[in-house]
Amino acid sequence: MSELCRFAGIIIYMMFRDIQQHNKPHVHVRYGEYKAVIAIDGELLAGALPNKQLKIITGWLALHEEEAYAAWNLAVRGEHFKKIPPLN
C-alpha cells in the first residue's frame, strides 16, 4: 500500500499488484472510520463514504485523471509512483 494523496482528512492510496478483486483501475480511500474503493472514473466499487467526501474525491480524480492512471499502471506492476498534490 502506498499513499497517493492526503487532504481534508481523506487518505487516498493504491495497493501494489491490486487487480484480483477489482480489475478496474481504482484507488482505496479512508476517511475517519469509512473505507471505500473508487474507480478512477468515479464509480464507487466497494465500501462507503459520506456523500460530501465522495464528491470531493471524484472531483479530485477528475482533475488528476491522467496522473492517477499513470500511478495505477506503475502500481499494478509493483512499481512505486509519485504522490499527486491535493490541489492544482
N, C-alpha and C. Protein backbone atom coordinates (compact mmCIF):
# COMPACT_ATOMS: atom_id res chain seq x y z
N MET A 1 0.85 -1.17 0.00
CA MET A 1 0.00 0.00 0.00
C MET A 1 0.89 1.23 0.00
N SER A 2 0.54 2.19 -0.83
CA SER A 2 1.30 3.42 -0.89
C SER A 2 0.35 4.61 -1.05
N GLU A 3 0.63 5.63 -0.28
CA GLU A 3 -0.23 6.81 -0.29
C GLU A 3 -0.07 7.61 -1.58
N LEU A 4 -1.19 7.96 -2.17
CA LEU A 4 -1.22 8.76 -3.38
C LEU A 4 -1.43 10.23 -3.05
N CYS A 5 -2.30 10.50 -2.08
CA CYS A 5 -2.60 11.89 -1.70
C CYS A 5 -3.32 11.89 -0.35
N ARG A 6 -3.21 13.04 0.34
CA ARG A 6 -3.89 13.20 1.63
C ARG A 6 -4.34 14.66 1.73
N PHE A 7 -5.62 14.86 2.04
CA PHE A 7 -6.16 16.21 2.24
C PHE A 7 -7.51 16.12 2.91
N ALA A 8 -7.86 17.15 3.67
CA ALA A 8 -9.17 17.28 4.31
C ALA A 8 -9.59 16.02 5.08
N GLY A 9 -8.63 15.37 5.72
CA GLY A 9 -8.94 14.15 6.48
C GLY A 9 -9.12 12.91 5.62
N ILE A 10 -8.91 13.04 4.31
CA ILE A 10 -9.08 11.95 3.36
C ILE A 10 -7.69 11.41 2.98
N ILE A 11 -7.54 10.10 3.01
CA ILE A 11 -6.30 9.46 2.58
C ILE A 11 -6.63 8.62 1.35
N ILE A 12 -5.94 8.89 0.25
CA ILE A 12 -6.13 8.15 -0.99
C ILE A 12 -4.86 7.35 -1.24
N TYR A 13 -5.02 6.06 -1.46
CA TYR A 13 -3.84 5.22 -1.65
C TYR A 13 -4.11 4.13 -2.68
N MET A 14 -3.05 3.51 -3.13
CA MET A 14 -3.11 2.38 -4.06
C MET A 14 -2.32 1.23 -3.46
N MET A 15 -2.75 0.04 -3.82
CA MET A 15 -2.03 -1.16 -3.41
C MET A 15 -1.29 -1.71 -4.62
N PHE A 16 -0.10 -2.20 -4.39
CA PHE A 16 0.69 -2.77 -5.46
C PHE A 16 0.10 -4.11 -5.91
N ARG A 17 0.09 -4.32 -7.23
CA ARG A 17 -0.41 -5.54 -7.86
C ARG A 17 -1.86 -5.84 -7.45
N ASP A 18 -2.68 -4.82 -7.34
CA ASP A 18 -4.05 -4.92 -6.83
C ASP A 18 -5.07 -5.06 -7.97
N ILE A 19 -5.10 -6.22 -8.60
CA ILE A 19 -6.06 -6.43 -9.69
C ILE A 19 -6.94 -7.65 -9.47
N GLN A 20 -6.86 -8.29 -8.31
CA GLN A 20 -7.62 -9.51 -8.06
C GLN A 20 -9.12 -9.25 -7.91
N GLN A 21 -9.49 -8.38 -6.96
CA GLN A 21 -10.89 -8.17 -6.64
C GLN A 21 -11.57 -7.18 -7.59
N HIS A 22 -10.90 -6.08 -7.90
CA HIS A 22 -11.45 -5.05 -8.77
C HIS A 22 -10.49 -4.86 -9.94
N ASN A 23 -10.86 -5.34 -11.10
CA ASN A 23 -9.97 -5.22 -12.26
C ASN A 23 -9.91 -3.79 -12.78
N LYS A 24 -10.93 -3.01 -12.52
CA LYS A 24 -11.00 -1.63 -13.00
C LYS A 24 -9.96 -0.79 -12.24
N PRO A 25 -9.24 0.10 -12.93
CA PRO A 25 -8.29 0.99 -12.23
C PRO A 25 -9.00 1.77 -11.12
N HIS A 26 -8.43 1.73 -9.93
CA HIS A 26 -9.11 2.31 -8.77
C HIS A 26 -8.14 2.78 -7.70
N VAL A 27 -8.70 3.51 -6.74
CA VAL A 27 -7.96 3.92 -5.55
C VAL A 27 -8.71 3.42 -4.32
N HIS A 28 -8.00 3.31 -3.24
CA HIS A 28 -8.59 3.00 -1.95
C HIS A 28 -8.62 4.30 -1.16
N VAL A 29 -9.67 4.48 -0.37
CA VAL A 29 -9.85 5.73 0.35
C VAL A 29 -10.22 5.43 1.80
N ARG A 30 -9.64 6.24 2.68
CA ARG A 30 -10.03 6.20 4.11
C ARG A 30 -10.41 7.62 4.52
N TYR A 31 -11.50 7.68 5.25
CA TYR A 31 -11.94 8.95 5.82
C TYR A 31 -12.56 8.61 7.17
N GLY A 32 -11.86 8.93 8.26
CA GLY A 32 -12.33 8.54 9.59
C GLY A 32 -12.51 7.04 9.65
N GLU A 33 -13.71 6.59 10.04
CA GLU A 33 -13.98 5.15 10.13
C GLU A 33 -14.46 4.57 8.79
N TYR A 34 -14.60 5.39 7.77
CA TYR A 34 -15.08 4.96 6.46
C TYR A 34 -13.93 4.46 5.59
N LYS A 35 -14.24 3.45 4.80
CA LYS A 35 -13.30 2.92 3.81
C LYS A 35 -14.07 2.68 2.52
N ALA A 36 -13.43 2.95 1.39
CA ALA A 36 -14.08 2.73 0.11
C ALA A 36 -13.05 2.44 -0.97
N VAL A 37 -13.53 1.84 -2.04
CA VAL A 37 -12.73 1.62 -3.24
C VAL A 37 -13.47 2.37 -4.35
N ILE A 38 -12.76 3.30 -5.01
CA ILE A 38 -13.37 4.14 -6.03
C ILE A 38 -12.57 4.01 -7.32
N ALA A 39 -13.28 3.70 -8.39
CA ALA A 39 -12.63 3.62 -9.70
C ALA A 39 -12.14 5.01 -10.09
N ILE A 40 -11.09 5.06 -10.87
CA ILE A 40 -10.55 6.35 -11.30
C ILE A 40 -11.59 7.13 -12.09
N ASP A 41 -12.54 6.43 -12.72
CA ASP A 41 -13.61 7.13 -13.43
C ASP A 41 -14.73 7.62 -12.49
N GLY A 42 -14.57 7.40 -11.19
CA GLY A 42 -15.51 7.92 -10.19
C GLY A 42 -16.54 6.93 -9.67
N GLU A 43 -16.59 5.73 -10.21
CA GLU A 43 -17.57 4.73 -9.76
C GLU A 43 -17.18 4.18 -8.38
N LEU A 44 -18.13 4.13 -7.46
CA LEU A 44 -17.91 3.53 -6.15
C LEU A 44 -17.97 2.02 -6.32
N LEU A 45 -16.86 1.33 -6.10
CA LEU A 45 -16.78 -0.11 -6.32
C LEU A 45 -17.06 -0.91 -5.05
N ALA A 46 -16.71 -0.37 -3.90
CA ALA A 46 -16.91 -1.08 -2.64
C ALA A 46 -16.84 -0.08 -1.49
N GLY A 47 -17.45 -0.46 -0.38
CA GLY A 47 -17.40 0.37 0.82
C GLY A 47 -18.37 1.54 0.76
N ALA A 48 -18.11 2.51 1.62
CA ALA A 48 -19.00 3.67 1.73
C ALA A 48 -18.22 4.88 2.23
N LEU A 49 -18.70 6.05 1.84
CA LEU A 49 -18.17 7.33 2.29
C LEU A 49 -19.34 8.30 2.43
N PRO A 50 -19.20 9.30 3.29
CA PRO A 50 -20.23 10.35 3.29
C PRO A 50 -20.29 10.99 1.89
N ASN A 51 -21.48 11.38 1.50
CA ASN A 51 -21.69 11.92 0.15
C ASN A 51 -20.76 13.09 -0.17
N LYS A 52 -20.55 13.98 0.77
CA LYS A 52 -19.69 15.14 0.54
C LYS A 52 -18.27 14.70 0.19
N GLN A 53 -17.71 13.78 0.95
CA GLN A 53 -16.34 13.32 0.70
C GLN A 53 -16.26 12.53 -0.60
N LEU A 54 -17.30 11.77 -0.93
CA LEU A 54 -17.30 11.05 -2.19
C LEU A 54 -17.25 12.03 -3.36
N LYS A 55 -18.01 13.11 -3.27
CA LYS A 55 -17.99 14.13 -4.33
C LYS A 55 -16.63 14.81 -4.41
N ILE A 56 -16.01 15.08 -3.28
CA ILE A 56 -14.68 15.69 -3.26
C ILE A 56 -13.67 14.77 -3.95
N ILE A 57 -13.72 13.50 -3.63
CA ILE A 57 -12.76 12.55 -4.20
C ILE A 57 -12.99 12.36 -5.69
N THR A 58 -14.23 12.24 -6.12
CA THR A 58 -14.49 12.07 -7.55
C THR A 58 -14.08 13.32 -8.33
N GLY A 59 -14.26 14.48 -7.73
CA GLY A 59 -13.79 15.72 -8.36
C GLY A 59 -12.28 15.75 -8.46
N TRP A 60 -11.60 15.34 -7.38
CA TRP A 60 -10.14 15.29 -7.37
C TRP A 60 -9.65 14.31 -8.43
N LEU A 61 -10.30 13.15 -8.52
CA LEU A 61 -9.90 12.16 -9.52
C LEU A 61 -10.10 12.70 -10.94
N ALA A 62 -11.17 13.44 -11.16
CA ALA A 62 -11.41 14.01 -12.49
C ALA A 62 -10.30 15.00 -12.85
N LEU A 63 -9.88 15.80 -11.87
CA LEU A 63 -8.81 16.78 -12.11
C LEU A 63 -7.46 16.10 -12.35
N HIS A 64 -7.24 14.98 -11.70
CA HIS A 64 -5.94 14.30 -11.75
C HIS A 64 -6.03 12.94 -12.45
N GLU A 65 -6.95 12.81 -13.38
CA GLU A 65 -7.19 11.53 -14.04
C GLU A 65 -5.92 10.96 -14.70
N GLU A 66 -5.23 11.76 -15.45
CA GLU A 66 -4.04 11.29 -16.16
C GLU A 66 -2.97 10.81 -15.17
N GLU A 67 -2.76 11.58 -14.12
CA GLU A 67 -1.76 11.20 -13.11
C GLU A 67 -2.18 9.94 -12.36
N ALA A 68 -3.47 9.81 -12.08
CA ALA A 68 -3.97 8.63 -11.37
C ALA A 68 -3.81 7.38 -12.21
N TYR A 69 -4.11 7.47 -13.50
CA TYR A 69 -3.91 6.30 -14.38
C TYR A 69 -2.42 5.95 -14.50
N ALA A 70 -1.57 6.95 -14.55
CA ALA A 70 -0.12 6.69 -14.61
C ALA A 70 0.34 5.98 -13.33
N ALA A 71 -0.15 6.43 -12.18
CA ALA A 71 0.19 5.78 -10.91
C ALA A 71 -0.35 4.35 -10.89
N TRP A 72 -1.58 4.15 -11.37
CA TRP A 72 -2.19 2.82 -11.42
C TRP A 72 -1.32 1.87 -12.26
N ASN A 73 -0.90 2.33 -13.42
CA ASN A 73 -0.10 1.49 -14.31
C ASN A 73 1.21 1.07 -13.65
N LEU A 74 1.79 1.94 -12.87
CA LEU A 74 3.01 1.57 -12.13
C LEU A 74 2.68 0.61 -10.99
N ALA A 75 1.63 0.92 -10.23
CA ALA A 75 1.28 0.12 -9.04
C ALA A 75 0.94 -1.32 -9.40
N VAL A 76 0.22 -1.55 -10.50
CA VAL A 76 -0.13 -2.93 -10.86
C VAL A 76 1.10 -3.74 -11.25
N ARG A 77 2.16 -3.06 -11.63
CA ARG A 77 3.42 -3.75 -11.93
C ARG A 77 4.32 -3.85 -10.69
N GLY A 78 3.84 -3.33 -9.56
CA GLY A 78 4.62 -3.38 -8.33
C GLY A 78 5.65 -2.29 -8.24
N GLU A 79 5.53 -1.25 -9.06
CA GLU A 79 6.50 -0.17 -9.07
C GLU A 79 5.96 1.04 -8.30
N HIS A 80 6.87 1.79 -7.71
CA HIS A 80 6.48 2.98 -6.95
C HIS A 80 6.08 4.12 -7.88
N PHE A 81 5.22 4.98 -7.37
CA PHE A 81 4.72 6.11 -8.14
C PHE A 81 4.86 7.38 -7.30
N LYS A 82 4.75 8.52 -7.97
CA LYS A 82 4.83 9.80 -7.28
C LYS A 82 3.49 10.16 -6.66
N LYS A 83 3.54 10.86 -5.54
CA LYS A 83 2.31 11.36 -4.94
C LYS A 83 1.73 12.44 -5.84
N ILE A 84 0.42 12.59 -5.76
CA ILE A 84 -0.29 13.61 -6.51
C ILE A 84 -0.68 14.71 -5.52
N PRO A 85 -0.45 15.97 -5.88
CA PRO A 85 -0.80 17.06 -4.95
C PRO A 85 -2.31 17.15 -4.73
N PRO A 86 -2.72 17.65 -3.57
CA PRO A 86 -4.16 17.74 -3.27
C PRO A 86 -4.90 18.73 -4.15
N LEU A 87 -4.27 19.83 -4.54
CA LEU A 87 -4.93 20.84 -5.36
C LEU A 87 -4.02 21.25 -6.50
N ASN A 88 -4.62 21.64 -7.61
CA ASN A 88 -3.84 22.18 -8.74
C ASN A 88 -3.59 23.64 -8.55
